[in-house]
Amino acid sequence: MLHIFHGHDERVEAGTTAFVRSVIAHASEPVMLTPITRKACTDHKEGTNAFTYRRFLVPWMLHWEGWAVFMDGADMLLRDDVCQLAKLFNPYKAVQVVKHNYTSRYPRKYIGTTMEADNVGYERKNWASVMAINCSHFAWRTITPEFVRKADPMDLLQLRFIPDDRIGELPVEWNWLVDEFGANQDAKVLHFTAGIPGIPAHSDAPMAQEWTDSLLAASVCTAGFKA
């Protein structure tokens, strides 16, 4: 069973709803979905999102055993079977990511919401937003809650605590930055980095209709139930 940790922020709950529905709709095998929430992060520093830094504790949470996938989730949509990721796992790597190299077109993100913030640019930006994690790899053994509390945020987000030759690569389709790069019918994961289409200022993002359709499908599925 594939264990997927994903970000959740109650300020944009619709993002989690659309994401979870899209994972389940395409999964060919059972998956275990574990949200990383603000309430669970009260003893950790926060970034723009509640899960910014706690994502790096996934191996610790799994007692450094097996494999797991982390996805930002709250601003993503699956368009393909997430279980296919397991076929790409490389036991010689500590982590596998899409190695983006870009400069954002958006100086601000989450515009018009309480989460609005500068869209800070940095090297290896969004590498850690989708990670196939080899939890048993030696590179993760020192990453504990205390380590995360004391670490430089950029060292975490840029995965500097892992030797470069132990950072493997995933195909770009598994973390397609749709609002940065435009529409892509081959994308497996749509990542709305500046803000989900449910935010009015970002409603015209490329492929936004797919996100809206996923959210609507989740709403329709529950509408028939009465207390």
C-alpha atoms as a PDB file:
ATOM      1  CA  MET A   1       0.000   0.000   0.000  1.00  0.00           C
ATOM      2  CA  LEU A   2       1.381   3.396  -1.004  1.00  0.00           C
ATOM      3  CA  HIS A   3       1.538   5.870   1.882  1.00  0.00           C
ATOM      4  CA  ILE A   4       0.908   9.437   0.746  1.00  0.00           C
ATOM      5  CA  PHE A   5       1.465  12.357   3.094  1.00  0.00           C
ATOM      6  CA  HIS A   6      -0.087  15.580   1.871  1.00  0.00           C
ATOM      7  CA  GLY A   7      -0.370  19.148   2.998  1.00  0.00           C
ATOM      8  CA  HIS A   8      -3.618  20.560   4.331  1.00  0.00           C
ATOM      9  CA  ASP A   9      -4.412  24.112   5.346  1.00  0.00           C
ATOM     10  CA  GLU A  10      -7.873  24.857   6.703  1.00  0.00           C
ATOM     11  CA  ARG A  11      -7.739  28.291   5.080  1.00  0.00           C
ATOM     12  CA  VAL A  12      -8.010  26.597   1.675  1.00  0.00           C
ATOM     13  CA  GLU A  13      -9.879  23.406   2.548  1.00  0.00           C
ATOM     14  CA  ALA A  14     -11.345  23.200  -0.930  1.00  0.00           C
ATOM     15  CA  GLY A  15      -7.836  22.475  -2.176  1.00  0.00           C
ATOM     16  CA  THR A  16      -7.579  19.361  -0.040  1.00  0.00           C
ATOM     17  CA  THR A  17     -11.046  18.204  -1.112  1.00  0.00           C
ATOM     18  CA  ALA A  18     -10.219  18.481  -4.809  1.00  0.00           C
ATOM     19  CA  PHE A  19      -6.819  16.840  -4.329  1.00  0.00           C
ATOM     20  CA  VAL A  20      -7.991  13.860  -2.267  1.00  0.00           C
ATOM     21  CA  ARG A  21     -10.869  13.191  -4.630  1.00  0.00           C
ATOM     22  CA  SER A  22      -8.467  13.234  -7.603  1.00  0.00           C
ATOM     23  CA  VAL A  23      -6.077  10.787  -5.909  1.00  0.00           C
ATOM     24  CA  ILE A  24      -8.835   8.312  -5.095  1.00  0.00           C
ATOM     25  CA  ALA A  25     -10.469   8.638  -8.515  1.00  0.00           C
ATOM     26  CA  HIS A  26      -7.297   7.521 -10.321  1.00  0.00           C
ATOM     27  CA  ALA A  27      -5.626   5.134  -7.864  1.00  0.00           C
ATOM     28  CA  SER A  28      -5.408   1.540  -9.145  1.00  0.00           C
ATOM     29  CA  GLU A  29      -4.476   0.141  -5.722  1.00  0.00           C
ATOM     30  CA  PRO A  30      -5.268   1.018  -2.106  1.00  0.00           C
ATOM     31  CA  VAL A  31      -3.511   4.139  -0.872  1.00  0.00           C
ATOM     32  CA  MET A  32      -3.110   5.552   2.612  1.00  0.00           C
ATOM     33  CA  LEU A  33      -3.639   9.320   2.744  1.00  0.00           C
ATOM     34  CA  THR A  34      -2.251  11.211   5.741  1.00  0.00           C
ATOM     35  CA  PRO A  35      -2.827  14.977   5.961  1.00  0.00           C
ATOM     36  CA  ILE A  36      -0.217  17.186   7.584  1.00  0.00           C
ATOM     37  CA  THR A  37      -2.294  19.816   9.373  1.00  0.00           C
ATOM     38  CA  ARG A  38      -1.796  23.082  11.216  1.00  0.00           C
ATOM     39  CA  LYS A  39      -2.984  21.558  14.511  1.00  0.00           C
ATOM     40  CA  ALA A  40      -0.334  18.859  14.184  1.00  0.00           C
ATOM     41  CA  CYS A  41       2.337  21.519  13.650  1.00  0.00           C
ATOM     42  CA  THR A  42       1.908  23.615  16.782  1.00  0.00           C
ATOM     43  CA  ASP A  43       5.374  22.739  18.086  1.00  0.00           C
ATOM     44  CA  HIS A  44       7.095  23.487  14.785  1.00  0.00           C
ATOM     45  CA  LYS A  45       7.926  26.653  12.910  1.00  0.00           C
ATOM     46  CA  GLU A  46       5.635  27.502  10.031  1.00  0.00           C
ATOM     47  CA  GLY A  47       6.197  28.814   6.556  1.00  0.00           C
ATOM     48  CA  THR A  48       3.585  30.089   4.124  1.00  0.00           C
ATOM     49  CA  ASN A  49       1.705  26.832   4.728  1.00  0.00           C
ATOM     50  CA  ALA A  50       1.247  24.791   7.886  1.00  0.00           C
ATOM     51  CA  PHE A  51       3.120  21.877   6.351  1.00  0.00           C
ATOM     52  CA  THR A  52       6.113  23.776   4.931  1.00  0.00           C
ATOM     53  CA  TYR A  53       8.662  22.184   7.267  1.00  0.00           C
ATOM     54  CA  ARG A  54       6.868  19.217   8.841  1.00  0.00           C
ATOM     55  CA  ARG A  55       7.027  17.428   5.468  1.00  0.00           C
ATOM     56  CA  PHE A  56      10.665  16.630   6.199  1.00  0.00           C
ATOM     57  CA  LEU A  57       9.625  14.546   9.203  1.00  0.00           C
ATOM     58  CA  VAL A  58       7.848  11.905   7.125  1.00  0.00           C
ATOM     59  CA  PRO A  59      10.715   9.354   7.516  1.00  0.00           C
ATOM     60  CA  TRP A  60      10.805  10.051  11.274  1.00  0.00           C
ATOM     61  CA  MET A  61       7.024   9.559  11.493  1.00  0.00           C
ATOM     62  CA  LEU A  62       7.413   6.197   9.730  1.00  0.00           C
ATOM     63  CA  HIS A  63      10.302   5.167  11.995  1.00  0.00           C
ATOM     64  CA  TRP A  64      12.704   5.325   9.028  1.00  0.00           C
ATOM     65  CA  GLU A  65      11.092   2.359   7.320  1.00  0.00           C
ATOM     66  CA  GLY A  66       9.799   1.804   3.788  1.00  0.00           C
ATOM     67  CA  TRP A  67       8.765   4.306   1.150  1.00  0.00           C
ATOM     68  CA  ALA A  68       6.371   7.232   1.213  1.00  0.00           C
ATOM     69  CA  VAL A  69       5.287  10.023  -1.071  1.00  0.00           C
ATOM     70  CA  PHE A  70       4.855  13.622   0.012  1.00  0.00           C
ATOM     71  CA  MET A  71       2.769  16.034  -2.058  1.00  0.00           C
ATOM     72  CA  ASP A  72       1.808  19.600  -1.236  1.00  0.00           C
ATOM     73  CA  GLY A  73      -1.700  18.410  -2.004  1.00  0.00           C
ATOM     74  CA  ALA A  74      -3.590  21.538  -0.994  1.00  0.00           C
ATOM     75  CA  ASP A  75      -2.776  23.199  -4.321  1.00  0.00           C
ATOM     76  CA  MET A  76      -2.509  20.099  -6.519  1.00  0.00           C
ATOM     77  CA  LEU A  77      -4.638  17.865  -8.687  1.00  0.00           C
ATOM     78  CA  LEU A  78      -3.853  14.275  -9.740  1.00  0.00           C
ATOM     79  CA  ARG A  79      -4.608  13.422 -13.355  1.00  0.00           C
ATOM     80  CA  ASP A  80      -3.145   9.914 -13.322  1.00  0.00           C
ATOM     81  CA  ASP A  81      -2.618   6.898 -11.090  1.00  0.00           C
ATOM     82  CA  VAL A  82      -0.386   7.883  -8.169  1.00  0.00           C
ATOM     83  CA  CYS A  83       0.479   4.207  -7.667  1.00  0.00           C
ATOM     84  CA  GLN A  84       2.548   4.412 -10.846  1.00  0.00           C
ATOM     85  CA  LEU A  85       5.085   6.430  -8.872  1.00  0.00           C
ATOM     86  CA  ALA A  86       6.142   3.258  -7.058  1.00  0.00           C
ATOM     87  CA  LYS A  87       7.541   1.913 -10.342  1.00  0.00           C
ATOM     88  CA  LEU A  88      10.010   4.813 -10.347  1.00  0.00           C
ATOM     89  CA  PHE A  89      11.385   4.290  -6.834  1.00  0.00           C
ATOM     90  CA  ASN A  90      15.187   3.983  -6.828  1.00  0.00           C
ATOM     91  CA  PRO A  91      16.553   2.258  -3.697  1.00  0.00           C
ATOM     92  CA  TYR A  92      19.941   3.960  -4.165  1.00  0.00           C
ATOM     93  CA  LYS A  93      18.420   7.428  -3.721  1.00  0.00           C
ATOM     94  CA  ALA A  94      17.257   9.048  -0.492  1.00  0.00           C
ATOM     95  CA  VAL A  95      14.632  11.090  -2.303  1.00  0.00           C
ATOM     96  CA  GLN A  96      13.412  11.648  -5.840  1.00  0.00           C
ATOM     97  CA  VAL A  97      11.987  14.966  -7.021  1.00  0.00           C
ATOM     98  CA  VAL A  98      11.248  16.995 -10.119  1.00  0.00           C
ATOM     99  CA  LYS A  99      14.311  19.227 -10.376  1.00  0.00           C
ATOM    100  CA  HIS A 100      12.715  22.499 -11.423  1.00  0.00           C
ATOM    101  CA  ASN A 101      14.911  25.397 -12.504  1.00  0.00           C
ATOM    102  CA  TYR A 102      12.757  28.465 -13.088  1.00  0.00           C
ATOM    103  CA  THR A 103      11.958  32.003 -12.013  1.00  0.00           C
ATOM    104  CA  SER A 104       8.344  32.582 -11.036  1.00  0.00           C
ATOM    105  CA  ARG A 105       6.130  34.893 -13.054  1.00  0.00           C
ATOM    106  CA  TYR A 106       4.197  35.790  -9.905  1.00  0.00           C
ATOM    107  CA  PRO A 107       5.628  38.263  -7.345  1.00  0.00           C
ATOM    108  CA  ARG A 108       2.734  37.503  -4.965  1.00  0.00           C
ATOM    109  CA  LYS A 109       0.748  34.338  -4.264  1.00  0.00           C
ATOM    110  CA  TYR A 110      -2.658  33.513  -2.722  1.00  0.00           C
ATOM    111  CA  ILE A 111      -3.754  37.003  -3.763  1.00  0.00           C
ATOM    112  CA  GLY A 112      -6.772  38.374  -1.922  1.00  0.00           C
ATOM    113  CA  THR A 113      -6.689  35.809   0.899  1.00  0.00           C
ATOM    114  CA  THR A 114      -5.373  35.815   4.453  1.00  0.00           C
ATOM    115  CA  MET A 115      -2.502  33.681   3.127  1.00  0.00           C
ATOM    116  CA  GLU A 116      -1.312  36.308   0.615  1.00  0.00           C
ATOM    117  CA  ALA A 117       2.465  36.591   0.682  1.00  0.00           C
ATOM    118  CA  ASP A 118       5.519  37.392  -1.391  1.00  0.00           C
ATOM    119  CA  ASN A 119       6.370  34.575  -3.768  1.00  0.00           C
ATOM    120  CA  VAL A 120       9.995  34.299  -2.760  1.00  0.00           C
ATOM    121  CA  GLY A 121      12.362  32.934  -5.371  1.00  0.00           C
ATOM    122  CA  TYR A 122      15.225  30.624  -4.478  1.00  0.00           C
ATOM    123  CA  GLU A 123      17.346  27.865  -5.935  1.00  0.00           C
ATOM    124  CA  ARG A 124      15.618  24.473  -6.126  1.00  0.00           C
ATOM    125  CA  LYS A 125      12.224  26.081  -5.604  1.00  0.00           C
ATOM    126  CA  ASN A 126       9.434  23.482  -5.485  1.00  0.00           C
ATOM    127  CA  TRP A 127      11.781  20.500  -5.484  1.00  0.00           C
ATOM    128  CA  ALA A 128      10.313  19.422  -2.146  1.00  0.00           C
ATOM    129  CA  SER A 129       6.669  19.876  -3.170  1.00  0.00           C
ATOM    130  CA  VAL A 130       6.543  16.321  -4.555  1.00  0.00           C
ATOM    131  CA  MET A 131       8.950  13.823  -3.016  1.00  0.00           C
ATOM    132  CA  ALA A 132       9.291  10.066  -3.382  1.00  0.00           C
ATOM    133  CA  ILE A 133      10.975   9.347  -0.060  1.00  0.00           C
ATOM    134  CA  ASN A 134      13.150   6.342   0.723  1.00  0.00           C
ATOM    135  CA  CYS A 135      12.531   6.546   4.469  1.00  0.00           C
ATOM    136  CA  SER A 136      15.124   3.903   5.374  1.00  0.00           C
ATOM    137  CA  HIS A 137      17.982   5.724   3.626  1.00  0.00           C
ATOM    138  CA  PHE A 138      20.820   6.843   5.914  1.00  0.00           C
ATOM    139  CA  ALA A 139      20.449  10.480   4.793  1.00  0.00           C
ATOM    140  CA  TRP A 140      17.178  10.791   6.744  1.00  0.00           C
ATOM    141  CA  ARG A 141      18.368   9.295  10.046  1.00  0.00           C
ATOM    142  CA  THR A 142      19.327  12.647  11.607  1.00  0.00           C
ATOM    143  CA  ILE A 143      16.152  14.448  10.528  1.00  0.00           C
ATOM    144  CA  THR A 144      14.172  14.662  13.752  1.00  0.00           C
ATOM    145  CA  PRO A 145      11.783  17.300  15.155  1.00  0.00           C
ATOM    146  CA  GLU A 146      14.708  18.940  16.945  1.00  0.00           C
ATOM    147  CA  PHE A 147      16.743  19.046  13.724  1.00  0.00           C
ATOM    148  CA  VAL A 148      13.861  20.643  11.831  1.00  0.00           C
ATOM    149  CA  ARG A 149      13.287  23.256  14.555  1.00  0.00           C
ATOM    150  CA  LYS A 150      16.928  24.358  14.441  1.00  0.00           C
ATOM    151  CA  ALA A 151      17.629  24.017  10.716  1.00  0.00           C
ATOM    152  CA  ASP A 152      17.917  26.905   8.291  1.00  0.00           C
ATOM    153  CA  PRO A 153      14.618  26.926   6.341  1.00  0.00           C
ATOM    154  CA  MET A 154      16.444  27.117   3.005  1.00  0.00           C
ATOM    155  CA  ASP A 155      18.586  24.105   3.875  1.00  0.00           C
ATOM    156  CA  LEU A 156      15.363  22.152   4.346  1.00  0.00           C
ATOM    157  CA  LEU A 157      13.491  23.407   1.297  1.00  0.00           C
ATOM    158  CA  GLN A 158      16.552  22.917  -0.919  1.00  0.00           C
ATOM    159  CA  LEU A 159      17.244  19.448   0.524  1.00  0.00           C
ATOM    160  CA  ARG A 160      20.797  20.498   1.396  1.00  0.00           C
ATOM    161  CA  PHE A 161      20.934  17.903   4.186  1.00  0.00           C
ATOM    162  CA  ILE A 162      20.966  15.161   1.530  1.00  0.00           C
ATOM    163  CA  PRO A 163      24.088  14.576  -0.609  1.00  0.00           C
ATOM    164  CA  ASP A 164      23.428  15.728  -4.160  1.00  0.00           C
ATOM    165  CA  ASP A 165      24.184  12.299  -5.594  1.00  0.00           C
ATOM    166  CA  ARG A 166      21.432  10.832  -3.408  1.00  0.00           C
ATOM    167  CA  ILE A 167      18.757  13.165  -4.795  1.00  0.00           C
ATOM    168  CA  GLY A 168      17.160  11.332  -7.702  1.00  0.00           C
ATOM    169  CA  GLU A 169      14.918  12.753 -10.388  1.00  0.00           C
ATOM    170  CA  LEU A 170      11.261  12.290 -11.299  1.00  0.00           C
ATOM    171  CA  PRO A 171       9.752  13.121 -14.698  1.00  0.00           C
ATOM    172  CA  VAL A 172       8.523  16.718 -14.814  1.00  0.00           C
ATOM    173  CA  GLU A 173       4.945  15.522 -15.437  1.00  0.00           C
ATOM    174  CA  TRP A 174       4.784  14.425 -11.790  1.00  0.00           C
ATOM    175  CA  ASN A 175       5.001  18.040 -10.593  1.00  0.00           C
ATOM    176  CA  TRP A 176       3.812  20.219 -13.443  1.00  0.00           C
ATOM    177  CA  LEU A 177       3.722  23.885 -12.368  1.00  0.00           C
ATOM    178  CA  VAL A 178       0.692  24.654 -14.448  1.00  0.00           C
ATOM    179  CA  ASP A 179       0.390  28.357 -13.677  1.00  0.00           C
ATOM    180  CA  GLU A 180       4.080  28.837 -14.467  1.00  0.00           C
ATOM    181  CA  PHE A 181       4.494  26.601 -17.521  1.00  0.00           C
ATOM    182  CA  GLY A 182       0.992  26.560 -19.011  1.00  0.00           C
ATOM    183  CA  ALA A 183      -1.362  23.748 -19.991  1.00  0.00           C
ATOM    184  CA  ASN A 184       0.022  20.235 -20.470  1.00  0.00           C
ATOM    185  CA  GLN A 185      -2.245  17.338 -21.325  1.00  0.00           C
ATOM    186  CA  ASP A 186       0.531  14.901 -20.391  1.00  0.00           C
ATOM    187  CA  ALA A 187       0.819  16.256 -16.848  1.00  0.00           C
ATOM    188  CA  LYS A 188       0.149  13.729 -14.092  1.00  0.00           C
ATOM    189  CA  VAL A 189       0.124  16.283 -11.265  1.00  0.00           C
ATOM    190  CA  LEU A 190      -1.115  19.824 -11.764  1.00  0.00           C
ATOM    191  CA  HIS A 191       0.494  22.153  -9.243  1.00  0.00           C
ATOM    192  CA  PHE A 192      -1.168  25.562  -8.901  1.00  0.00           C
ATOM    193  CA  THR A 193       1.773  27.220  -7.189  1.00  0.00           C
ATOM    194  CA  ALA A 194       0.435  30.787  -7.024  1.00  0.00           C
ATOM    195  CA  GLY A 195      -2.997  29.785  -5.741  1.00  0.00           C
ATOM    196  CA  ILE A 196      -5.766  27.282  -6.418  1.00  0.00           C
ATOM    197  CA  PRO A 197      -8.456  28.213  -8.962  1.00  0.00           C
ATOM    198  CA  GLY A 198     -10.965  28.474  -6.111  1.00  0.00           C
ATOM    199  CA  ILE A 199      -9.302  31.786  -5.209  1.00  0.00           C
ATOM    200  CA  PRO A 200     -10.913  34.446  -7.444  1.00  0.00           C
ATOM    201  CA  ALA A 201      -7.601  36.070  -8.375  1.00  0.00           C
ATOM    202  CA  HIS A 202      -6.347  32.704  -9.664  1.00  0.00           C
ATOM    203  CA  SER A 203      -9.540  31.373 -11.240  1.00  0.00           C
ATOM    204  CA  ASP A 204      -8.199  31.851 -14.782  1.00  0.00           C
ATOM    205  CA  ALA A 205      -5.119  29.644 -14.318  1.00  0.00           C
ATOM    206  CA  PRO A 206      -4.426  27.176 -17.133  1.00  0.00           C
ATOM    207  CA  MET A 207      -6.436  23.947 -16.756  1.00  0.00           C
ATOM    208  CA  ALA A 208      -8.393  25.508 -13.899  1.00  0.00           C
ATOM    209  CA  GLN A 209     -11.573  23.829 -15.106  1.00  0.00           C
ATOM    210  CA  GLU A 210     -10.171  20.386 -14.259  1.00  0.00           C
ATOM    211  CA  TRP A 211      -9.605  21.504 -10.674  1.00  0.00           C
ATOM    212  CA  THR A 212     -13.116  22.979 -10.499  1.00  0.00           C
ATOM    213  CA  ASP A 213     -14.607  19.789 -11.925  1.00  0.00           C
ATOM    214  CA  SER A 214     -12.851  17.683  -9.272  1.00  0.00           C
ATOM    215  CA  LEU A 215     -14.154  19.887  -6.488  1.00  0.00           C
ATOM    216  CA  LEU A 216     -17.656  19.822  -7.970  1.00  0.00           C
ATOM    217  CA  ALA A 217     -17.560  16.027  -8.314  1.00  0.00           C
ATOM    218  CA  ALA A 218     -16.678  15.712  -4.624  1.00  0.00           C
ATOM    219  CA  SER A 219     -19.554  18.047  -3.725  1.00  0.00           C
ATOM    220  CA  VAL A 220     -22.051  16.174  -5.880  1.00  0.00           C
ATOM    221  CA  CYS A 221     -21.066  12.850  -4.309  1.00  0.00           C
ATOM    222  CA  THR A 222     -22.006  14.117  -0.844  1.00  0.00           C
ATOM    223  CA  ALA A 223     -25.070  16.136  -1.821  1.00  0.00           C
ATOM    224  CA  GLY A 224     -27.355  13.103  -1.873  1.00  0.00           C
ATOM    225  CA  PHE A 225     -26.713  12.178   1.733  1.00  0.00           C
ATOM    226  CA  LYS A 226     -29.063  13.454   4.444  1.00  0.00           C
ATOM    227  CA  ALA A 227     -28.544  13.396   8.179  1.00  0.00           C
END
